[in-house]
Amino acid sequence: MNLPTNKKLSVLMLIFLLAGCNAYKYGYTERKALNTYQLVTGSEDNFGDKRIKYNESFHRCPCFTNFLASKGSPAVIYEYKTEAKIKGIKLFYPAADSVFVFEEAKKGKRYSLIKESRKMSEGERETYRLLKTNQPS
């Protein structure tokens, strides 16, 4: 890059701002997202869809990103923190009757790994049905 120093700095700042924006939004909306089921609809205005995008950006994890690229967006997500303050997210795919759980390897490590894959419980299926039924038109 043969740009003058001030232009290089401007380009670097722009890259940082664009990359950091979703990570900032992740933290800003985290309290609202924790311990709640969020429907993912495919709409960019939907909170669940935003949280998926923010999680991808915040965790910067090829494991998580590649998983979403191969499986597609889940129908529902559930974000939580363990007693040890480790962040986790459950991805629900009702059509496949599956749940995939991702957690940070250690507290504060912004790298989530798949911890568990299993069938949905009856309670989770019912939660999904309720979310779909109560979804605004």
N, C-alpha and C. Protein backbone atom coordinates (compact mmCIF):
# COMPACT_ATOMS: atom_id res chain seq x y z
N MET A 1 0.85 -1.16 0.00
CA MET A 1 0.00 0.00 0.00
C MET A 1 0.89 1.23 0.00
N ASN A 2 0.87 2.00 -1.04
CA ASN A 2 1.71 3.19 -1.16
C ASN A 2 0.92 4.45 -0.87
N LEU A 3 0.10 4.42 0.13
CA LEU A 3 -0.68 5.59 0.53
C LEU A 3 0.12 6.40 1.54
N PRO A 4 -0.14 7.71 1.59
CA PRO A 4 0.48 8.52 2.65
C PRO A 4 0.06 7.98 4.01
N THR A 5 0.86 8.24 5.02
CA THR A 5 0.64 7.70 6.36
C THR A 5 -0.76 8.01 6.89
N ASN A 6 -1.23 9.26 6.71
CA ASN A 6 -2.55 9.60 7.23
C ASN A 6 -3.67 8.83 6.51
N LYS A 7 -3.49 8.52 5.23
CA LYS A 7 -4.49 7.73 4.52
C LYS A 7 -4.45 6.27 4.98
N LYS A 8 -3.24 5.75 5.23
CA LYS A 8 -3.11 4.40 5.75
C LYS A 8 -3.83 4.28 7.08
N LEU A 9 -3.62 5.29 7.92
CA LEU A 9 -4.27 5.29 9.23
C LEU A 9 -5.79 5.33 9.08
N SER A 10 -6.26 6.15 8.15
CA SER A 10 -7.71 6.24 7.92
C SER A 10 -8.29 4.92 7.44
N VAL A 11 -7.58 4.25 6.53
CA VAL A 11 -8.04 2.96 6.02
C VAL A 11 -8.06 1.94 7.15
N LEU A 12 -7.01 1.91 7.97
CA LEU A 12 -6.96 0.97 9.09
C LEU A 12 -8.08 1.25 10.09
N MET A 13 -8.34 2.52 10.37
CA MET A 13 -9.42 2.86 11.30
C MET A 13 -10.77 2.43 10.75
N LEU A 14 -10.98 2.63 9.45
CA LEU A 14 -12.24 2.22 8.83
C LEU A 14 -12.42 0.70 8.93
N ILE A 15 -11.36 -0.04 8.64
CA ILE A 15 -11.43 -1.51 8.75
C ILE A 15 -11.75 -1.91 10.18
N PHE A 16 -11.09 -1.29 11.15
CA PHE A 16 -11.33 -1.60 12.56
C PHE A 16 -12.77 -1.29 12.95
N LEU A 17 -13.28 -0.13 12.52
CA LEU A 17 -14.65 0.23 12.87
C LEU A 17 -15.67 -0.73 12.27
N LEU A 18 -15.46 -1.10 11.01
CA LEU A 18 -16.40 -2.03 10.38
C LEU A 18 -16.36 -3.40 11.04
N ALA A 19 -15.17 -3.86 11.38
CA ALA A 19 -15.03 -5.17 12.02
C ALA A 19 -15.53 -5.14 13.45
N GLY A 20 -15.33 -4.04 14.16
CA GLY A 20 -15.68 -3.94 15.56
C GLY A 20 -17.12 -3.58 15.83
N CYS A 21 -17.83 -3.10 14.85
CA CYS A 21 -19.20 -2.64 15.04
C CYS A 21 -20.10 -3.77 15.56
N ASN A 22 -20.06 -4.92 14.92
CA ASN A 22 -20.90 -6.04 15.36
C ASN A 22 -20.47 -6.56 16.72
N ALA A 23 -19.18 -6.52 17.00
CA ALA A 23 -18.70 -6.95 18.31
C ALA A 23 -19.22 -6.00 19.39
N TYR A 24 -19.25 -4.71 19.10
CA TYR A 24 -19.81 -3.73 20.05
C TYR A 24 -21.30 -4.00 20.26
N LYS A 25 -22.01 -4.22 19.16
CA LYS A 25 -23.45 -4.49 19.25
C LYS A 25 -23.72 -5.79 20.01
N TYR A 26 -22.81 -6.75 19.88
CA TYR A 26 -22.93 -8.00 20.62
C TYR A 26 -23.00 -7.70 22.12
N GLY A 27 -22.04 -6.95 22.60
CA GLY A 27 -21.99 -6.62 24.03
C GLY A 27 -23.15 -5.73 24.46
N TYR A 28 -23.52 -4.79 23.62
CA TYR A 28 -24.57 -3.84 23.93
C TYR A 28 -25.94 -4.53 24.07
N THR A 29 -26.17 -5.58 23.30
CA THR A 29 -27.47 -6.27 23.32
C THR A 29 -27.44 -7.59 24.10
N GLU A 30 -26.29 -7.90 24.69
CA GLU A 30 -26.14 -9.20 25.36
C GLU A 30 -27.12 -9.39 26.51
N ARG A 31 -27.31 -8.39 27.33
CA ARG A 31 -28.20 -8.54 28.49
C ARG A 31 -29.62 -8.92 28.05
N LYS A 32 -30.09 -8.32 26.98
CA LYS A 32 -31.43 -8.62 26.47
C LYS A 32 -31.51 -10.06 25.91
N ALA A 33 -30.39 -10.56 25.40
CA ALA A 33 -30.38 -11.86 24.75
C ALA A 33 -30.21 -13.03 25.72
N LEU A 34 -29.55 -12.78 26.85
CA LEU A 34 -29.23 -13.88 27.76
C LEU A 34 -30.48 -14.54 28.34
N ASN A 35 -30.44 -15.85 28.35
CA ASN A 35 -31.49 -16.69 28.96
C ASN A 35 -32.87 -16.48 28.35
N THR A 36 -32.89 -16.16 27.06
CA THR A 36 -34.17 -16.06 26.35
C THR A 36 -34.05 -16.80 25.02
N TYR A 37 -35.16 -17.36 24.59
CA TYR A 37 -35.21 -18.00 23.28
C TYR A 37 -35.54 -16.92 22.27
N GLN A 38 -34.78 -16.89 21.19
CA GLN A 38 -34.99 -15.90 20.13
C GLN A 38 -35.24 -16.61 18.81
N LEU A 39 -36.35 -16.28 18.19
CA LEU A 39 -36.69 -16.83 16.89
C LEU A 39 -35.80 -16.19 15.82
N VAL A 40 -35.32 -16.98 14.90
CA VAL A 40 -34.53 -16.50 13.77
C VAL A 40 -35.40 -16.62 12.53
N THR A 41 -35.68 -15.49 11.89
CA THR A 41 -36.68 -15.46 10.82
C THR A 41 -36.12 -15.20 9.43
N GLY A 42 -34.87 -14.75 9.35
CA GLY A 42 -34.32 -14.37 8.05
C GLY A 42 -34.48 -12.89 7.76
N SER A 43 -35.09 -12.17 8.68
CA SER A 43 -35.27 -10.73 8.53
C SER A 43 -34.14 -10.00 9.24
N GLU A 44 -33.53 -9.05 8.55
CA GLU A 44 -32.42 -8.32 9.16
C GLU A 44 -32.86 -7.45 10.33
N ASP A 45 -34.16 -7.19 10.46
CA ASP A 45 -34.68 -6.40 11.58
C ASP A 45 -34.99 -7.24 12.81
N ASN A 46 -34.96 -8.55 12.66
CA ASN A 46 -35.30 -9.46 13.75
C ASN A 46 -34.13 -9.58 14.74
N PHE A 47 -34.44 -9.53 16.04
CA PHE A 47 -33.41 -9.58 17.06
C PHE A 47 -32.61 -10.88 17.02
N GLY A 48 -33.25 -12.01 16.82
CA GLY A 48 -32.54 -13.29 16.75
C GLY A 48 -31.55 -13.32 15.59
N ASP A 49 -31.94 -12.78 14.44
CA ASP A 49 -31.04 -12.73 13.29
C ASP A 49 -29.85 -11.82 13.58
N LYS A 50 -30.10 -10.71 14.24
CA LYS A 50 -29.01 -9.80 14.61
C LYS A 50 -28.04 -10.49 15.56
N ARG A 51 -28.58 -11.22 16.53
CA ARG A 51 -27.71 -11.89 17.50
C ARG A 51 -26.82 -12.96 16.84
N ILE A 52 -27.35 -13.66 15.85
CA ILE A 52 -26.51 -14.64 15.13
C ILE A 52 -25.34 -13.90 14.49
N LYS A 53 -25.65 -12.80 13.80
CA LYS A 53 -24.61 -12.02 13.13
C LYS A 53 -23.59 -11.48 14.14
N TYR A 54 -24.08 -10.98 15.27
CA TYR A 54 -23.18 -10.43 16.29
C TYR A 54 -22.31 -11.54 16.90
N ASN A 55 -22.89 -12.72 17.12
CA ASN A 55 -22.12 -13.85 17.65
C ASN A 55 -21.01 -14.25 16.68
N GLU A 56 -21.33 -14.30 15.40
CA GLU A 56 -20.29 -14.64 14.41
C GLU A 56 -19.14 -13.65 14.47
N SER A 57 -19.46 -12.38 14.54
CA SER A 57 -18.43 -11.34 14.57
C SER A 57 -17.66 -11.33 15.88
N PHE A 58 -18.36 -11.47 16.98
CA PHE A 58 -17.72 -11.39 18.29
C PHE A 58 -16.79 -12.56 18.54
N HIS A 59 -17.24 -13.75 18.25
CA HIS A 59 -16.45 -14.94 18.58
C HIS A 59 -15.34 -15.24 17.58
N ARG A 60 -15.42 -14.69 16.41
CA ARG A 60 -14.36 -14.85 15.40
C ARG A 60 -13.87 -16.29 15.32
N CYS A 61 -14.79 -17.18 15.25
CA CYS A 61 -14.45 -18.61 15.30
C CYS A 61 -14.82 -19.30 14.00
N PRO A 62 -13.83 -19.83 13.29
CA PRO A 62 -14.16 -20.56 12.06
C PRO A 62 -15.07 -21.75 12.33
N CYS A 63 -14.94 -22.36 13.50
CA CYS A 63 -15.80 -23.50 13.86
C CYS A 63 -17.27 -23.07 13.82
N PHE A 64 -17.59 -21.96 14.46
CA PHE A 64 -18.96 -21.45 14.52
C PHE A 64 -19.41 -20.95 13.15
N THR A 65 -18.57 -20.16 12.50
CA THR A 65 -18.91 -19.58 11.20
C THR A 65 -19.08 -20.67 10.14
N ASN A 66 -18.16 -21.63 10.11
CA ASN A 66 -18.26 -22.72 9.13
C ASN A 66 -19.49 -23.59 9.39
N PHE A 67 -19.81 -23.78 10.66
CA PHE A 67 -20.99 -24.55 11.01
C PHE A 67 -22.24 -23.87 10.43
N LEU A 68 -22.37 -22.56 10.66
CA LEU A 68 -23.53 -21.82 10.14
C LEU A 68 -23.54 -21.81 8.62
N ALA A 69 -22.38 -21.73 8.00
CA ALA A 69 -22.32 -21.74 6.54
C ALA A 69 -22.79 -23.09 5.99
N SER A 70 -22.49 -24.16 6.69
CA SER A 70 -22.89 -25.49 6.19
C SER A 70 -24.33 -25.84 6.56
N LYS A 71 -24.78 -25.49 7.76
CA LYS A 71 -26.13 -25.86 8.22
C LYS A 71 -27.17 -24.81 7.90
N GLY A 72 -26.75 -23.56 7.70
CA GLY A 72 -27.69 -22.47 7.54
C GLY A 72 -28.09 -21.92 8.90
N SER A 73 -28.90 -20.89 8.90
CA SER A 73 -29.33 -20.28 10.15
C SER A 73 -30.26 -21.21 10.90
N PRO A 74 -30.15 -21.22 12.22
CA PRO A 74 -31.09 -22.02 13.02
C PRO A 74 -32.45 -21.35 13.03
N ALA A 75 -33.44 -22.04 13.52
CA ALA A 75 -34.78 -21.47 13.66
C ALA A 75 -34.90 -20.69 14.96
N VAL A 76 -34.15 -21.11 15.97
CA VAL A 76 -34.20 -20.49 17.30
C VAL A 76 -32.80 -20.54 17.90
N ILE A 77 -32.48 -19.52 18.70
CA ILE A 77 -31.23 -19.53 19.47
C ILE A 77 -31.54 -19.27 20.93
N TYR A 78 -30.63 -19.71 21.78
CA TYR A 78 -30.71 -19.47 23.21
C TYR A 78 -29.29 -19.19 23.70
N GLU A 79 -29.07 -18.00 24.24
CA GLU A 79 -27.74 -17.63 24.74
C GLU A 79 -27.74 -17.68 26.26
N TYR A 80 -26.60 -18.05 26.83
CA TYR A 80 -26.50 -18.21 28.28
C TYR A 80 -25.07 -18.00 28.73
N LYS A 81 -24.90 -17.93 30.05
CA LYS A 81 -23.59 -17.96 30.68
C LYS A 81 -23.64 -19.04 31.75
N THR A 82 -22.57 -19.80 31.84
CA THR A 82 -22.50 -20.83 32.88
C THR A 82 -22.16 -20.16 34.22
N GLU A 83 -22.19 -20.94 35.29
CA GLU A 83 -21.80 -20.40 36.61
C GLU A 83 -20.36 -19.89 36.59
N ALA A 84 -19.52 -20.47 35.73
CA ALA A 84 -18.13 -20.05 35.60
C ALA A 84 -17.99 -18.85 34.64
N LYS A 85 -19.13 -18.26 34.22
CA LYS A 85 -19.17 -17.09 33.33
C LYS A 85 -18.69 -17.39 31.91
N ILE A 86 -18.78 -18.65 31.51
CA ILE A 86 -18.45 -19.04 30.14
C ILE A 86 -19.70 -18.82 29.28
N LYS A 87 -19.51 -18.13 28.14
CA LYS A 87 -20.63 -17.82 27.26
C LYS A 87 -20.94 -19.00 26.36
N GLY A 88 -22.23 -19.21 26.14
CA GLY A 88 -22.67 -20.30 25.27
C GLY A 88 -23.88 -19.90 24.46
N ILE A 89 -24.10 -20.63 23.38
CA ILE A 89 -25.27 -20.41 22.54
C ILE A 89 -25.75 -21.76 22.04
N LYS A 90 -27.07 -21.96 22.10
CA LYS A 90 -27.69 -23.17 21.58
C LYS A 90 -28.37 -22.80 20.27
N LEU A 91 -28.14 -23.59 19.25
CA LEU A 91 -28.74 -23.39 17.93
C LEU A 91 -29.75 -24.51 17.70
N PHE A 92 -30.99 -24.15 17.47
CA PHE A 92 -32.08 -25.13 17.31
C PHE A 92 -32.49 -25.24 15.85
N TYR A 93 -32.53 -26.47 15.37
CA TYR A 93 -32.97 -26.78 14.01
C TYR A 93 -34.13 -27.77 14.11
N PRO A 94 -35.36 -27.26 14.30
CA PRO A 94 -36.53 -28.14 14.50
C PRO A 94 -36.79 -29.09 13.33
N ALA A 95 -36.54 -28.67 12.11
CA ALA A 95 -36.79 -29.54 10.96
C ALA A 95 -35.94 -30.80 11.03
N ALA A 96 -34.76 -30.69 11.64
CA ALA A 96 -33.88 -31.85 11.81
C ALA A 96 -33.94 -32.40 13.24
N ASP A 97 -34.83 -31.81 14.07
CA ASP A 97 -34.98 -32.20 15.47
C ASP A 97 -33.63 -32.19 16.19
N SER A 98 -32.85 -31.12 15.96
CA SER A 98 -31.49 -31.07 16.48
C SER A 98 -31.17 -29.77 17.20
N VAL A 99 -30.30 -29.89 18.20
CA VAL A 99 -29.75 -28.75 18.93
C VAL A 99 -28.23 -28.89 18.91
N PHE A 100 -27.56 -27.78 18.62
CA PHE A 100 -26.10 -27.74 18.64
C PHE A 100 -25.69 -26.67 19.63
N VAL A 101 -24.83 -27.05 20.57
CA VAL A 101 -24.42 -26.16 21.65
C VAL A 101 -22.96 -25.77 21.46
N PHE A 102 -22.73 -24.46 21.42
CA PHE A 102 -21.37 -23.91 21.32
C PHE A 102 -21.06 -23.17 22.60
N GLU A 103 -19.83 -23.35 23.11
CA GLU A 103 -19.38 -22.63 24.31
C GLU A 103 -17.93 -22.19 24.11
N GLU A 104 -17.59 -21.11 24.81
CA GLU A 104 -16.20 -20.68 24.84
C GLU A 104 -15.36 -21.78 25.50
N ALA A 105 -14.13 -21.91 25.06
CA ALA A 105 -13.24 -22.90 25.66
C ALA A 105 -12.94 -22.53 27.12
N LYS A 106 -12.75 -21.24 27.38
CA LYS A 106 -12.52 -20.72 28.73
C LYS A 106 -13.17 -19.35 28.83
N LYS A 107 -13.45 -18.91 30.02
CA LYS A 107 -14.03 -17.59 30.23
C LYS A 107 -13.17 -16.53 29.56
N GLY A 108 -13.82 -15.67 28.80
CA GLY A 108 -13.13 -14.56 28.16
C GLY A 108 -12.45 -14.90 26.85
N LYS A 109 -12.43 -16.18 26.49
CA LYS A 109 -11.84 -16.58 25.21
C LYS A 109 -12.91 -16.45 24.15
N ARG A 110 -12.71 -15.55 23.23
CA ARG A 110 -13.72 -15.28 22.21
C ARG A 110 -13.64 -16.31 21.08
N TYR A 111 -13.63 -17.56 21.45
CA TYR A 111 -13.52 -18.64 20.49
C TYR A 111 -14.43 -19.77 20.96
N SER A 112 -15.56 -19.93 20.30
CA SER A 112 -16.53 -20.93 20.72
C SER A 112 -16.36 -22.23 19.94
N LEU A 113 -16.47 -23.31 20.67
CA LEU A 113 -16.34 -24.65 20.08
C LEU A 113 -17.64 -25.42 20.31
N ILE A 114 -17.92 -26.37 19.43
CA ILE A 114 -19.12 -27.18 19.61
C ILE A 114 -18.90 -28.09 20.82
N LYS A 115 -19.84 -28.01 21.74
CA LYS A 115 -19.75 -28.79 22.98
C LYS A 115 -20.66 -30.01 22.93
N GLU A 116 -21.80 -29.85 22.25
CA GLU A 116 -22.80 -30.91 22.27
C GLU A 116 -23.69 -30.81 21.04
N SER A 117 -24.14 -31.96 20.56
CA SER A 117 -25.21 -32.02 19.56
C SER A 117 -26.16 -33.12 20.02
N ARG A 118 -27.44 -32.81 19.93
CA ARG A 118 -28.44 -33.75 20.46
C ARG A 118 -29.79 -33.49 19.81
N LYS A 119 -30.74 -34.34 20.12
CA LYS A 119 -32.12 -34.13 19.69
C LYS A 119 -32.77 -33.09 20.60
N MET A 120 -33.77 -32.40 20.07
CA MET A 120 -34.51 -31.43 20.87
C MET A 120 -35.36 -32.15 21.90
N SER A 121 -35.50 -31.54 23.07
CA SER A 121 -36.39 -32.09 24.09
C SER A 121 -37.83 -31.69 23.76
N GLU A 122 -38.77 -32.34 24.39
CA GLU A 122 -40.18 -31.99 24.16
C GLU A 122 -40.43 -30.54 24.58
N GLY A 123 -39.83 -30.11 25.68
CA GLY A 123 -39.98 -28.72 26.12
C GLY A 123 -39.44 -27.72 25.10
N GLU A 124 -38.33 -28.06 24.47
CA GLU A 124 -37.76 -27.18 23.44
C GLU A 124 -38.64 -27.15 22.19
N ARG A 125 -39.22 -28.28 21.84
CA ARG A 125 -40.14 -28.31 20.70
C ARG A 125 -41.37 -27.45 20.99
N GLU A 126 -41.88 -27.53 22.22
CA GLU A 126 -43.03 -26.73 22.61
C GLU A 126 -42.68 -25.24 22.61
N THR A 127 -41.50 -24.89 23.09
CA THR A 127 -41.05 -23.50 23.08
C THR A 127 -41.01 -22.98 21.65
N TYR A 128 -40.50 -23.79 20.74
CA TYR A 128 -40.46 -23.39 19.33
C TYR A 128 -41.87 -23.17 18.78
N ARG A 129 -42.78 -24.08 19.09
CA ARG A 129 -44.17 -23.92 18.62
C ARG A 129 -44.78 -22.63 19.15
N LEU A 130 -44.53 -22.33 20.42
CA LEU A 130 -45.06 -21.09 21.02
C LEU A 130 -44.46 -19.85 20.37
N LEU A 131 -43.16 -19.88 20.13
CA LEU A 131 -42.52 -18.75 19.47
C LEU A 131 -43.10 -18.51 18.08
N LYS A 132 -43.29 -19.59 17.32
CA LYS A 132 -43.85 -19.48 15.98
C LYS A 132 -45.29 -18.97 16.02
N THR A 133 -46.06 -19.44 17.00
CA THR A 133 -47.46 -19.04 17.12
C THR A 133 -47.58 -17.56 17.50
N ASN A 134 -46.70 -17.10 18.37
CA ASN A 134 -46.77 -15.71 18.85
C ASN A 134 -45.97 -14.73 18.03
N GLN A 135 -45.42 -15.19 16.91
CA GLN A 135 -44.62 -14.31 16.05
C GLN A 135 -45.55 -13.27 15.39
N PRO A 136 -45.17 -11.98 15.46
CA PRO A 136 -45.99 -10.95 14.79
C PRO A 136 -46.01 -11.16 13.28
N SER A 137 -47.13 -10.88 12.68
CA SER A 137 -47.27 -11.05 11.23
C SER A 137 -46.65 -9.93 10.46
